[in-house]
Amino acid sequence: MTDKEKVQKFFKSFKWYELTTFIVSLIVVVVLSICFRSSWLTIILSISGIIYVFLLAKRYKISMVFGIIQSVLYIIQSALYKNWGEFAINIIIVFPLILISLISWEKQNSNVQVESKSMSKKEILIAIIIDLLISIMFYFILRKFNTNYLIFATLSVFSTTLANYLMLRKSVFMFLMFTVTNILMLLIWLMPIFEGISANFETIPMLAQLIVYALSNLFGIINWKKNKTSVQNNSEHNVKNNN
């Protein structure tokens, strides 16, 4: 397959509404960045984040590269705004899990897309229990550092950790947890503006980015669910043929 054919195949994998949402999202971020005079860090963070979630929704392995870029930039942004809860979550949990996912997904096979997998109820239960323990530990750590919106920050630890673990395990349920995480992140970044503590609208493109994440999660559920069904049907077909 030539490079031209690969590019054509890549774009054909997107539905018209997915491409439309992607293009409109980028335009909105750029326009908001100009209107609110956002920093280059905020602009690049928002754009890389949008690319990350759209490629992840389509099961592309390359999405993990943009995930790493987005995570690093978000860590820097959180530190600049002294949002220590988000800073700690991303530097200790999110970044390492995305890095492990990148390595794990690349080892799977030579395909550019990854196949969705199923997790046992036992594994999910163990993951939730461990996540709860991690979240409780983070609660006391974040409280010691006088973290703003402590409850939201702690809930974000739980949802973010579980979402990224589910991503590592290639489970479609990661998109449900990512949606919860997006809502919590939206609250954490909006609360200072709502409470009149801060009138800095420089981060508005990030808020638009989080709304785009919610749409991408919906696309992700649809695409990964279809893939899971297709894989199961193929497996059943192969079993019947072998018998």
Protein backbone atom coordinates (compact mmCIF):
# COMPACT_ATOMS: atom_id res chain seq x y z
CA MET A 1 0.00 0.00 0.00
CA THR A 2 1.41 3.41 -1.03
CA ASP A 3 1.61 6.39 1.32
CA LYS A 4 -1.19 8.09 -0.64
CA GLU A 5 -3.44 5.07 -0.21
CA LYS A 6 -2.66 4.96 3.53
CA VAL A 7 -3.65 8.62 3.90
CA GLN A 8 -6.87 8.03 1.93
CA LYS A 9 -7.70 4.99 4.07
CA PHE A 10 -7.04 7.02 7.23
CA PHE A 11 -9.49 9.79 6.31
CA LYS A 12 -12.07 7.31 5.00
CA SER A 13 -12.15 5.70 8.45
CA PHE A 14 -13.82 8.86 9.80
CA LYS A 15 -17.53 9.48 9.38
CA TRP A 16 -18.56 12.86 7.97
CA TYR A 17 -19.92 14.01 11.34
CA GLU A 18 -16.69 13.01 13.10
CA LEU A 19 -14.55 15.02 10.67
CA THR A 20 -16.98 17.95 10.88
CA THR A 21 -16.85 17.93 14.68
CA PHE A 22 -13.05 17.69 14.59
CA ILE A 23 -12.61 20.62 12.18
CA VAL A 24 -15.20 22.81 13.94
CA SER A 25 -13.54 22.05 17.29
CA LEU A 26 -10.15 23.22 16.05
CA ILE A 27 -11.68 26.40 14.59
CA VAL A 28 -13.52 27.16 17.85
CA VAL A 29 -10.33 26.72 19.90
CA VAL A 30 -8.35 29.02 17.59
CA VAL A 31 -11.08 31.69 17.58
CA LEU A 32 -11.47 31.58 21.37
CA SER A 33 -7.70 31.73 21.79
CA ILE A 34 -7.56 34.91 19.70
CA CYS A 35 -10.57 36.49 21.45
CA PHE A 36 -9.26 35.81 24.96
CA ARG A 37 -5.59 36.25 24.10
CA SER A 38 -4.61 32.81 25.29
CA SER A 39 -1.00 31.76 25.71
CA TRP A 40 0.70 29.46 23.23
CA LEU A 41 0.77 26.80 25.95
CA THR A 42 -3.02 26.87 26.27
CA ILE A 43 -3.51 26.80 22.49
CA ILE A 44 -1.13 23.88 21.87
CA LEU A 45 -2.54 22.02 24.89
CA SER A 46 -6.10 22.38 23.59
CA ILE A 47 -5.25 21.39 20.01
CA SER A 48 -3.15 18.37 21.02
CA GLY A 49 -5.89 17.29 23.41
CA ILE A 50 -8.53 17.42 20.66
CA ILE A 51 -6.34 15.41 18.28
CA TYR A 52 -5.65 12.90 21.08
CA VAL A 53 -9.28 12.14 21.94
CA PHE A 54 -10.45 11.97 18.31
CA LEU A 55 -7.72 9.49 17.37
CA LEU A 56 -8.37 7.51 20.56
CA ALA A 57 -12.07 7.33 19.68
CA LYS A 58 -11.06 5.72 16.36
CA ARG A 59 -8.71 3.24 18.12
CA TYR A 60 -5.54 4.61 16.50
CA LYS A 61 -2.32 3.73 18.33
CA ILE A 62 -0.77 7.08 17.39
CA SER A 63 -3.31 8.70 19.73
CA MET A 64 -1.06 7.74 22.65
CA VAL A 65 1.70 10.02 21.33
CA PHE A 66 -0.65 13.01 21.40
CA GLY A 67 -1.87 11.80 24.80
CA ILE A 68 1.67 12.08 26.15
CA ILE A 69 2.08 15.56 24.65
CA GLN A 70 -1.26 16.67 26.08
CA SER A 71 -0.44 15.21 29.50
CA VAL A 72 2.94 16.97 29.73
CA LEU A 73 1.43 20.32 28.70
CA TYR A 74 -1.46 19.87 31.14
CA ILE A 75 1.01 19.19 33.95
CA ILE A 76 2.81 22.45 33.14
CA GLN A 77 -0.48 24.38 32.87
CA SER A 78 -1.73 22.98 36.19
CA ALA A 79 1.53 23.99 37.91
CA LEU A 80 1.36 27.52 36.50
CA TYR A 81 -2.16 27.94 37.87
CA LYS A 82 -1.25 26.18 41.14
CA ASN A 83 -3.87 23.53 40.46
CA TRP A 84 -1.92 21.00 42.49
CA GLY A 85 -4.59 18.32 42.46
CA GLU A 86 -4.57 18.06 38.67
CA PHE A 87 -0.78 18.43 38.67
CA ALA A 88 -0.31 15.48 41.05
CA ILE A 89 -2.83 13.23 39.29
CA ASN A 90 -1.26 13.73 35.89
CA ILE A 91 2.40 13.52 36.87
CA ILE A 92 1.97 10.47 39.14
CA ILE A 93 -0.85 8.55 37.46
CA VAL A 94 -1.94 9.77 34.01
CA PHE A 95 1.44 10.27 32.32
CA PRO A 96 2.87 6.86 33.40
CA LEU A 97 -0.35 5.02 32.39
CA ILE A 98 -0.42 6.67 28.96
CA LEU A 99 3.25 5.80 28.47
CA ILE A 100 2.59 2.17 29.46
CA SER A 101 -0.45 2.12 27.14
CA LEU A 102 1.71 3.34 24.26
CA ILE A 103 4.20 0.52 24.82
CA SER A 104 1.47 -2.08 25.38
CA TRP A 105 -0.54 -1.10 22.31
CA GLU A 106 2.53 -1.05 20.07
CA LYS A 107 3.45 -4.59 21.12
CA GLN A 108 0.00 -5.95 20.23
CA ASN A 109 0.47 -6.35 16.46
CA SER A 110 1.46 -4.45 13.33
CA ASN A 111 -1.97 -2.87 12.79
CA VAL A 112 -2.33 0.87 13.19
CA GLN A 113 -5.55 0.37 15.16
CA VAL A 114 -5.99 -1.46 18.44
CA GLU A 115 -8.73 -4.00 19.16
CA SER A 116 -11.06 -3.46 22.12
CA LYS A 117 -10.93 -6.10 24.85
CA SER A 118 -13.20 -7.39 27.59
CA MET A 119 -12.34 -7.35 31.28
CA SER A 120 -13.56 -9.82 33.87
CA LYS A 121 -15.82 -8.61 36.68
CA LYS A 122 -13.14 -9.68 39.17
CA GLU A 123 -10.48 -7.51 37.52
CA ILE A 124 -12.84 -4.51 37.39
CA LEU A 125 -13.72 -4.95 41.09
CA ILE A 126 -10.04 -5.19 42.10
CA ALA A 127 -9.25 -2.10 39.99
CA ILE A 128 -12.05 -0.12 41.70
CA ILE A 129 -10.90 -1.16 45.21
CA ILE A 130 -7.27 -0.22 44.50
CA ASP A 131 -8.44 3.04 42.93
CA LEU A 132 -10.49 3.85 46.04
CA LEU A 133 -7.43 3.30 48.25
CA ILE A 134 -5.32 5.52 45.99
CA SER A 135 -8.00 8.23 46.06
CA ILE A 136 -8.23 8.16 49.86
CA MET A 137 -4.45 8.50 50.09
CA PHE A 138 -4.53 11.42 47.64
CA TYR A 139 -7.29 13.10 49.65
CA PHE A 140 -5.04 13.49 52.68
CA ILE A 141 -2.04 14.50 50.57
CA LEU A 142 -4.02 17.14 48.68
CA ARG A 143 -5.61 18.40 51.91
CA LYS A 144 -2.15 18.85 53.41
CA PHE A 145 -1.25 21.11 50.47
CA ASN A 146 -4.49 23.10 50.86
CA THR A 147 -5.73 22.07 47.43
CA ASN A 148 -8.70 24.07 46.16
CA TYR A 149 -11.97 22.19 45.61
CA LEU A 150 -10.63 19.20 47.50
CA ILE A 151 -13.69 16.98 46.94
CA PHE A 152 -13.69 17.60 43.18
CA ALA A 153 -9.93 17.02 43.09
CA THR A 154 -10.26 13.70 44.97
CA LEU A 155 -13.11 12.51 42.76
CA SER A 156 -10.98 13.46 39.78
CA VAL A 157 -8.19 11.22 41.10
CA PHE A 158 -10.60 8.27 41.23
CA SER A 159 -12.19 8.79 37.79
CA THR A 160 -8.92 9.69 36.04
CA THR A 161 -7.03 6.70 37.44
CA LEU A 162 -9.79 4.24 36.57
CA ALA A 163 -10.31 5.75 33.09
CA ASN A 164 -6.63 5.47 32.21
CA TYR A 165 -6.38 1.93 33.58
CA LEU A 166 -9.38 0.92 31.46
CA MET A 167 -7.64 2.53 28.49
CA LEU A 168 -4.52 0.49 29.23
CA ARG A 169 -6.69 -2.64 29.25
CA LYS A 170 -8.41 -1.54 26.00
CA SER A 171 -11.89 -1.50 27.57
CA VAL A 172 -14.70 0.51 25.98
CA PHE A 173 -15.85 1.54 29.47
CA MET A 174 -12.92 3.95 29.65
CA PHE A 175 -15.02 6.47 27.71
CA LEU A 176 -17.68 6.51 30.43
CA MET A 177 -15.04 7.28 33.07
CA PHE A 178 -13.38 9.84 30.80
CA THR A 179 -16.76 11.60 30.57
CA VAL A 180 -16.97 11.77 34.38
CA THR A 181 -13.39 13.05 34.48
CA ASN A 182 -14.18 15.75 31.91
CA ILE A 183 -17.11 17.00 33.99
CA LEU A 184 -14.93 17.20 37.10
CA MET A 185 -12.13 18.97 35.20
CA LEU A 186 -14.69 21.43 33.82
CA LEU A 187 -15.86 22.23 37.36
CA ILE A 188 -12.31 22.58 38.70
CA TRP A 189 -11.32 25.08 36.00
CA LEU A 190 -14.65 26.96 36.00
CA MET A 191 -15.20 27.35 39.75
CA PRO A 192 -12.70 30.24 40.21
CA ILE A 193 -14.54 32.21 37.50
CA PHE A 194 -17.99 31.38 38.92
CA GLU A 195 -16.93 32.38 42.43
CA GLY A 196 -15.35 35.62 41.22
CA ILE A 197 -11.95 34.55 42.50
CA SER A 198 -10.43 34.86 39.06
CA ALA A 199 -11.43 36.86 36.00
CA ASN A 200 -8.73 35.27 33.86
CA PHE A 201 -10.45 33.90 30.77
CA GLU A 202 -7.18 32.88 29.15
CA THR A 203 -8.00 29.22 29.76
CA ILE A 204 -11.40 29.36 28.00
CA PRO A 205 -10.05 27.27 25.04
CA MET A 206 -9.33 24.49 27.55
CA LEU A 207 -12.98 24.54 28.59
CA ALA A 208 -14.04 24.24 24.94
CA GLN A 209 -11.58 21.36 24.70
CA LEU A 210 -13.31 19.55 27.58
CA ILE A 211 -16.69 19.90 25.86
CA VAL A 212 -15.15 18.40 22.70
CA TYR A 213 -13.85 15.54 24.87
CA ALA A 214 -17.44 14.72 25.84
CA LEU A 215 -18.46 14.43 22.17
CA SER A 216 -15.38 12.35 21.39
CA ASN A 217 -16.21 9.98 24.24
CA LEU A 218 -19.59 9.37 22.60
CA PHE A 219 -17.87 8.60 19.27
CA GLY A 220 -15.43 6.37 21.15
CA ILE A 221 -18.18 4.30 22.76
CA ILE A 222 -19.83 3.76 19.35
CA ASN A 223 -16.59 2.87 17.51
CA TRP A 224 -15.10 0.64 20.20
CA LYS A 225 -18.44 -1.11 20.76
CA LYS A 226 -18.67 -1.89 17.03
CA ASN A 227 -15.12 -3.23 17.06
CA LYS A 228 -15.80 -5.40 20.10
CA THR A 229 -18.91 -6.87 18.47
CA SER A 230 -17.02 -7.48 15.23
CA VAL A 231 -14.17 -9.26 17.05
CA GLN A 232 -16.63 -11.46 18.99
CA ASN A 233 -18.51 -12.39 15.81
CA ASN A 234 -15.27 -13.29 14.03
CA SER A 235 -14.17 -15.43 16.98
CA GLU A 236 -17.48 -17.28 17.05
CA HIS A 237 -17.30 -17.78 13.28
CA ASN A 238 -13.77 -19.21 13.53
CA VAL A 239 -14.83 -21.57 16.32
CA LYS A 240 -17.73 -22.89 14.23
CA ASN A 241 -15.48 -23.42 11.22
CA ASN A 242 -12.92 -25.29 13.31
CA ASN A 243 -15.64 -27.56 14.66
